[in-house]
Amino acid sequence: MLRWQIAIQQYRGNMTIVHKSGNIYKNADGLSRWALANTHENPAWVPQEEHHIEGICVTEIGTEFLNKVKQSYKIDKNFHILCQLLMKDCKD
């Protein structure tokens, strides 16, 4: 609602706003979701914190352990079912 108020405030006094149910006027829903950039010009601006990377940890997995993990996936029933479901949805 704030976004609409910002967008149409220049026309204040020249129009009347009437609520129309979204159940009836579904095509207007996209307009209500108009995105505003999070900049200083936006009255709803929220400053975002900057997060700096303090360090990176790199871990290597041994070949023997990695092979055990791969083999365990082949015999895991739940993993097999999950893969089938995902592949079924991605065939298109």
N, C-alpha and C. Protein backbone atom coordinates (compact mmCIF):
# COMPACT_ATOMS: atom_id res chain seq x y z
N MET A 1 0.83 -1.19 0.00
CA MET A 1 0.00 0.00 0.00
C MET A 1 0.87 1.26 0.00
N LEU A 2 1.97 1.19 0.74
CA LEU A 2 2.87 2.34 0.79
C LEU A 2 3.41 2.68 -0.59
N ARG A 3 3.71 1.66 -1.37
CA ARG A 3 4.24 1.89 -2.72
C ARG A 3 3.23 2.63 -3.58
N TRP A 4 1.97 2.25 -3.47
CA TRP A 4 0.93 2.94 -4.25
C TRP A 4 0.79 4.38 -3.79
N GLN A 5 0.83 4.60 -2.50
CA GLN A 5 0.72 5.97 -1.99
C GLN A 5 1.85 6.84 -2.52
N ILE A 6 3.04 6.27 -2.58
CA ILE A 6 4.18 7.02 -3.12
C ILE A 6 3.98 7.32 -4.60
N ALA A 7 3.53 6.31 -5.34
CA ALA A 7 3.39 6.46 -6.79
C ALA A 7 2.33 7.47 -7.19
N ILE A 8 1.26 7.56 -6.42
CA ILE A 8 0.15 8.43 -6.84
C ILE A 8 0.00 9.70 -6.01
N GLN A 9 0.92 9.98 -5.11
CA GLN A 9 0.76 11.15 -4.25
C GLN A 9 0.76 12.45 -5.04
N GLN A 10 1.37 12.48 -6.22
CA GLN A 10 1.36 13.70 -7.02
C GLN A 10 -0.04 14.03 -7.54
N TYR A 11 -0.93 13.04 -7.56
CA TYR A 11 -2.29 13.26 -8.05
C TYR A 11 -3.29 13.49 -6.92
N ARG A 12 -2.80 13.63 -5.69
CA ARG A 12 -3.67 13.80 -4.53
C ARG A 12 -4.62 14.97 -4.75
N GLY A 13 -5.86 14.78 -4.44
CA GLY A 13 -6.87 15.82 -4.61
C GLY A 13 -7.56 15.75 -5.96
N ASN A 14 -6.99 15.01 -6.91
CA ASN A 14 -7.59 14.89 -8.24
C ASN A 14 -8.25 13.54 -8.47
N MET A 15 -8.28 12.70 -7.45
CA MET A 15 -8.87 11.37 -7.64
C MET A 15 -9.45 10.86 -6.33
N THR A 16 -10.28 9.83 -6.47
CA THR A 16 -10.85 9.13 -5.33
C THR A 16 -10.42 7.67 -5.44
N ILE A 17 -9.88 7.14 -4.37
CA ILE A 17 -9.43 5.75 -4.37
C ILE A 17 -10.54 4.88 -3.80
N VAL A 18 -10.90 3.84 -4.55
CA VAL A 18 -11.94 2.90 -4.14
C VAL A 18 -11.34 1.51 -4.13
N HIS A 19 -11.51 0.79 -3.03
CA HIS A 19 -10.98 -0.57 -2.94
C HIS A 19 -11.82 -1.51 -3.79
N LYS A 20 -11.13 -2.34 -4.57
CA LYS A 20 -11.78 -3.38 -5.37
C LYS A 20 -11.19 -4.71 -4.93
N SER A 21 -12.03 -5.67 -4.68
CA SER A 21 -11.59 -6.97 -4.18
C SER A 21 -10.65 -7.66 -5.17
N GLY A 22 -9.55 -8.19 -4.66
CA GLY A 22 -8.60 -8.91 -5.50
C GLY A 22 -9.17 -10.20 -6.04
N ASN A 23 -10.21 -10.72 -5.40
CA ASN A 23 -10.84 -11.94 -5.90
C ASN A 23 -11.56 -11.69 -7.22
N ILE A 24 -12.03 -10.48 -7.42
CA ILE A 24 -12.75 -10.14 -8.65
C ILE A 24 -11.80 -9.55 -9.68
N TYR A 25 -10.89 -8.67 -9.27
CA TYR A 25 -9.98 -7.97 -10.18
C TYR A 25 -8.57 -8.55 -10.07
N LYS A 26 -8.39 -9.78 -10.51
CA LYS A 26 -7.11 -10.48 -10.37
C LYS A 26 -6.00 -9.86 -11.22
N ASN A 27 -6.36 -9.20 -12.32
CA ASN A 27 -5.33 -8.63 -13.19
C ASN A 27 -4.60 -7.45 -12.55
N ALA A 28 -5.13 -6.86 -11.52
CA ALA A 28 -4.48 -5.71 -10.88
C ALA A 28 -3.47 -6.14 -9.83
N ASP A 29 -3.41 -7.43 -9.52
CA ASP A 29 -2.52 -7.90 -8.47
C ASP A 29 -1.05 -7.59 -8.78
N GLY A 30 -0.65 -7.72 -10.03
CA GLY A 30 0.73 -7.42 -10.41
C GLY A 30 1.10 -5.98 -10.12
N LEU A 31 0.16 -5.08 -10.28
CA LEU A 31 0.44 -3.67 -10.01
C LEU A 31 0.66 -3.42 -8.52
N SER A 32 -0.04 -4.19 -7.69
CA SER A 32 0.11 -3.99 -6.25
C SER A 32 1.46 -4.51 -5.76
N ARG A 33 2.14 -5.28 -6.58
CA ARG A 33 3.44 -5.82 -6.19
C ARG A 33 4.60 -5.08 -6.87
N TRP A 34 4.34 -3.87 -7.31
CA TRP A 34 5.35 -3.04 -7.96
C TRP A 34 6.54 -2.87 -7.02
N ALA A 35 7.70 -3.22 -7.48
CA ALA A 35 8.89 -3.18 -6.62
C ALA A 35 9.58 -1.83 -6.69
N LEU A 36 9.97 -1.33 -5.55
CA LEU A 36 10.77 -0.11 -5.48
C LEU A 36 12.19 -0.48 -5.06
N ALA A 37 13.14 0.16 -5.67
CA ALA A 37 14.53 -0.09 -5.29
C ALA A 37 14.78 0.41 -3.87
N ASN A 38 15.63 -0.28 -3.16
CA ASN A 38 15.96 0.12 -1.79
C ASN A 38 17.06 1.18 -1.85
N THR A 39 16.66 2.40 -2.23
CA THR A 39 17.60 3.52 -2.35
C THR A 39 17.17 4.66 -1.44
N HIS A 40 18.00 5.68 -1.33
CA HIS A 40 17.69 6.83 -0.47
C HIS A 40 16.44 7.57 -0.93
N GLU A 41 16.11 7.49 -2.22
CA GLU A 41 14.93 8.18 -2.74
C GLU A 41 13.63 7.51 -2.30
N ASN A 42 13.69 6.26 -1.92
CA ASN A 42 12.52 5.49 -1.50
C ASN A 42 12.20 5.84 -0.04
N PRO A 43 11.00 6.37 0.24
CA PRO A 43 10.65 6.71 1.63
C PRO A 43 10.66 5.51 2.57
N ALA A 44 10.52 4.31 2.02
CA ALA A 44 10.55 3.10 2.84
C ALA A 44 11.95 2.48 2.89
N TRP A 45 12.96 3.27 2.53
CA TRP A 45 14.34 2.78 2.46
C TRP A 45 14.80 2.24 3.80
N VAL A 46 15.44 1.09 3.74
CA VAL A 46 16.01 0.47 4.93
C VAL A 46 17.50 0.26 4.65
N PRO A 47 18.37 0.89 5.44
CA PRO A 47 19.80 0.69 5.19
C PRO A 47 20.18 -0.77 5.41
N GLN A 48 21.00 -1.29 4.53
CA GLN A 48 21.41 -2.68 4.64
C GLN A 48 22.83 -2.74 5.18
N GLU A 49 23.03 -3.69 6.06
CA GLU A 49 24.35 -3.87 6.65
C GLU A 49 25.28 -4.52 5.63
N GLU A 50 26.53 -4.13 5.68
CA GLU A 50 27.53 -4.78 4.85
C GLU A 50 28.18 -5.88 5.66
N HIS A 51 28.28 -7.03 5.06
CA HIS A 51 28.91 -8.17 5.74
C HIS A 51 30.21 -8.50 5.00
N HIS A 52 31.30 -8.41 5.70
CA HIS A 52 32.59 -8.69 5.10
C HIS A 52 33.01 -10.11 5.43
N ILE A 53 33.66 -10.75 4.49
CA ILE A 53 34.16 -12.10 4.72
C ILE A 53 35.40 -12.01 5.60
N GLU A 54 35.34 -12.65 6.74
CA GLU A 54 36.46 -12.61 7.67
C GLU A 54 37.45 -13.74 7.42
N GLY A 55 37.00 -14.80 6.80
CA GLY A 55 37.89 -15.93 6.54
C GLY A 55 37.19 -16.99 5.72
N ILE A 56 37.98 -17.84 5.12
CA ILE A 56 37.43 -18.94 4.31
C ILE A 56 38.10 -20.22 4.79
N CYS A 57 37.31 -21.24 4.96
CA CYS A 57 37.83 -22.54 5.36
C CYS A 57 37.60 -23.53 4.21
N VAL A 58 38.66 -24.14 3.74
CA VAL A 58 38.56 -25.11 2.65
C VAL A 58 38.86 -26.48 3.23
N THR A 59 37.96 -27.42 2.99
CA THR A 59 38.14 -28.76 3.50
C THR A 59 38.21 -29.74 2.34
N GLU A 60 39.15 -30.63 2.40
CA GLU A 60 39.25 -31.66 1.38
C GLU A 60 38.71 -32.96 1.94
N ILE A 61 38.00 -33.68 1.09
CA ILE A 61 37.44 -34.97 1.49
C ILE A 61 38.29 -36.04 0.83
N GLY A 62 38.68 -37.01 1.62
CA GLY A 62 39.49 -38.10 1.08
C GLY A 62 38.71 -38.91 0.05
N THR A 63 39.42 -39.46 -0.92
CA THR A 63 38.79 -40.23 -2.00
C THR A 63 38.03 -41.43 -1.45
N GLU A 64 38.61 -42.12 -0.48
CA GLU A 64 37.96 -43.30 0.09
C GLU A 64 36.63 -42.93 0.74
N PHE A 65 36.62 -41.86 1.52
CA PHE A 65 35.37 -41.42 2.17
C PHE A 65 34.34 -40.98 1.13
N LEU A 66 34.78 -40.24 0.12
CA LEU A 66 33.88 -39.78 -0.93
C LEU A 66 33.25 -40.97 -1.66
N ASN A 67 34.02 -41.99 -1.93
CA ASN A 67 33.48 -43.19 -2.59
C ASN A 67 32.46 -43.90 -1.71
N LYS A 68 32.70 -43.93 -0.40
CA LYS A 68 31.73 -44.54 0.52
C LYS A 68 30.40 -43.77 0.50
N VAL A 69 30.50 -42.45 0.46
CA VAL A 69 29.28 -41.63 0.40
C VAL A 69 28.53 -41.92 -0.89
N LYS A 70 29.24 -41.96 -2.01
CA LYS A 70 28.60 -42.24 -3.30
C LYS A 70 27.92 -43.60 -3.30
N GLN A 71 28.59 -44.61 -2.74
CA GLN A 71 28.02 -45.96 -2.69
C GLN A 71 26.79 -46.00 -1.79
N SER A 72 26.81 -45.26 -0.69
CA SER A 72 25.67 -45.27 0.23
C SER A 72 24.43 -44.67 -0.42
N TYR A 73 24.62 -43.69 -1.32
CA TYR A 73 23.48 -43.13 -2.03
C TYR A 73 22.82 -44.18 -2.92
N LYS A 74 23.62 -45.06 -3.50
CA LYS A 74 23.09 -46.07 -4.42
C LYS A 74 22.18 -47.07 -3.71
N ILE A 75 22.43 -47.33 -2.42
CA ILE A 75 21.63 -48.32 -1.70
C ILE A 75 20.57 -47.70 -0.79
N ASP A 76 20.54 -46.39 -0.68
CA ASP A 76 19.57 -45.70 0.18
C ASP A 76 18.22 -45.62 -0.53
N LYS A 77 17.19 -46.27 0.04
CA LYS A 77 15.85 -46.30 -0.58
C LYS A 77 15.26 -44.90 -0.70
N ASN A 78 15.36 -44.12 0.36
CA ASN A 78 14.76 -42.78 0.34
C ASN A 78 15.42 -41.88 -0.70
N PHE A 79 16.74 -41.98 -0.82
CA PHE A 79 17.44 -41.18 -1.82
C PHE A 79 17.02 -41.59 -3.23
N HIS A 80 16.86 -42.89 -3.43
CA HIS A 80 16.44 -43.41 -4.74
C HIS A 80 15.05 -42.89 -5.10
N ILE A 81 14.13 -42.92 -4.16
CA ILE A 81 12.77 -42.42 -4.39
C ILE A 81 12.80 -40.92 -4.69
N LEU A 82 13.57 -40.18 -3.93
CA LEU A 82 13.69 -38.74 -4.15
C LEU A 82 14.23 -38.44 -5.55
N CYS A 83 15.26 -39.16 -5.96
CA CYS A 83 15.83 -38.95 -7.30
C CYS A 83 14.80 -39.25 -8.38
N GLN A 84 14.03 -40.32 -8.21
CA GLN A 84 13.00 -40.66 -9.20
C GLN A 84 11.96 -39.55 -9.30
N LEU A 85 11.52 -39.03 -8.17
CA LEU A 85 10.52 -37.96 -8.17
C LEU A 85 11.07 -36.70 -8.84
N LEU A 86 12.29 -36.35 -8.54
CA LEU A 86 12.89 -35.16 -9.13
C LEU A 86 13.10 -35.33 -10.63
N MET A 87 13.53 -36.50 -11.05
CA MET A 87 13.76 -36.73 -12.48
C MET A 87 12.44 -36.79 -13.25
N LYS A 88 11.40 -37.28 -12.60
CA LYS A 88 10.08 -37.34 -13.22
C LYS A 88 9.59 -35.92 -13.52
N ASP A 89 9.81 -34.99 -12.61
CA ASP A 89 9.37 -33.60 -12.80
C ASP A 89 10.24 -32.85 -13.79
N CYS A 90 11.46 -33.32 -14.04
CA CYS A 90 12.40 -32.59 -14.91
C CYS A 90 12.49 -33.16 -16.32
N LYS A 91 11.66 -34.12 -16.66
CA LYS A 91 11.76 -34.74 -17.99
C LYS A 91 11.36 -33.81 -19.11
N ASP A 92 10.58 -32.79 -18.82
CA ASP A 92 10.12 -31.88 -19.88
C ASP A 92 11.17 -31.01 -20.36
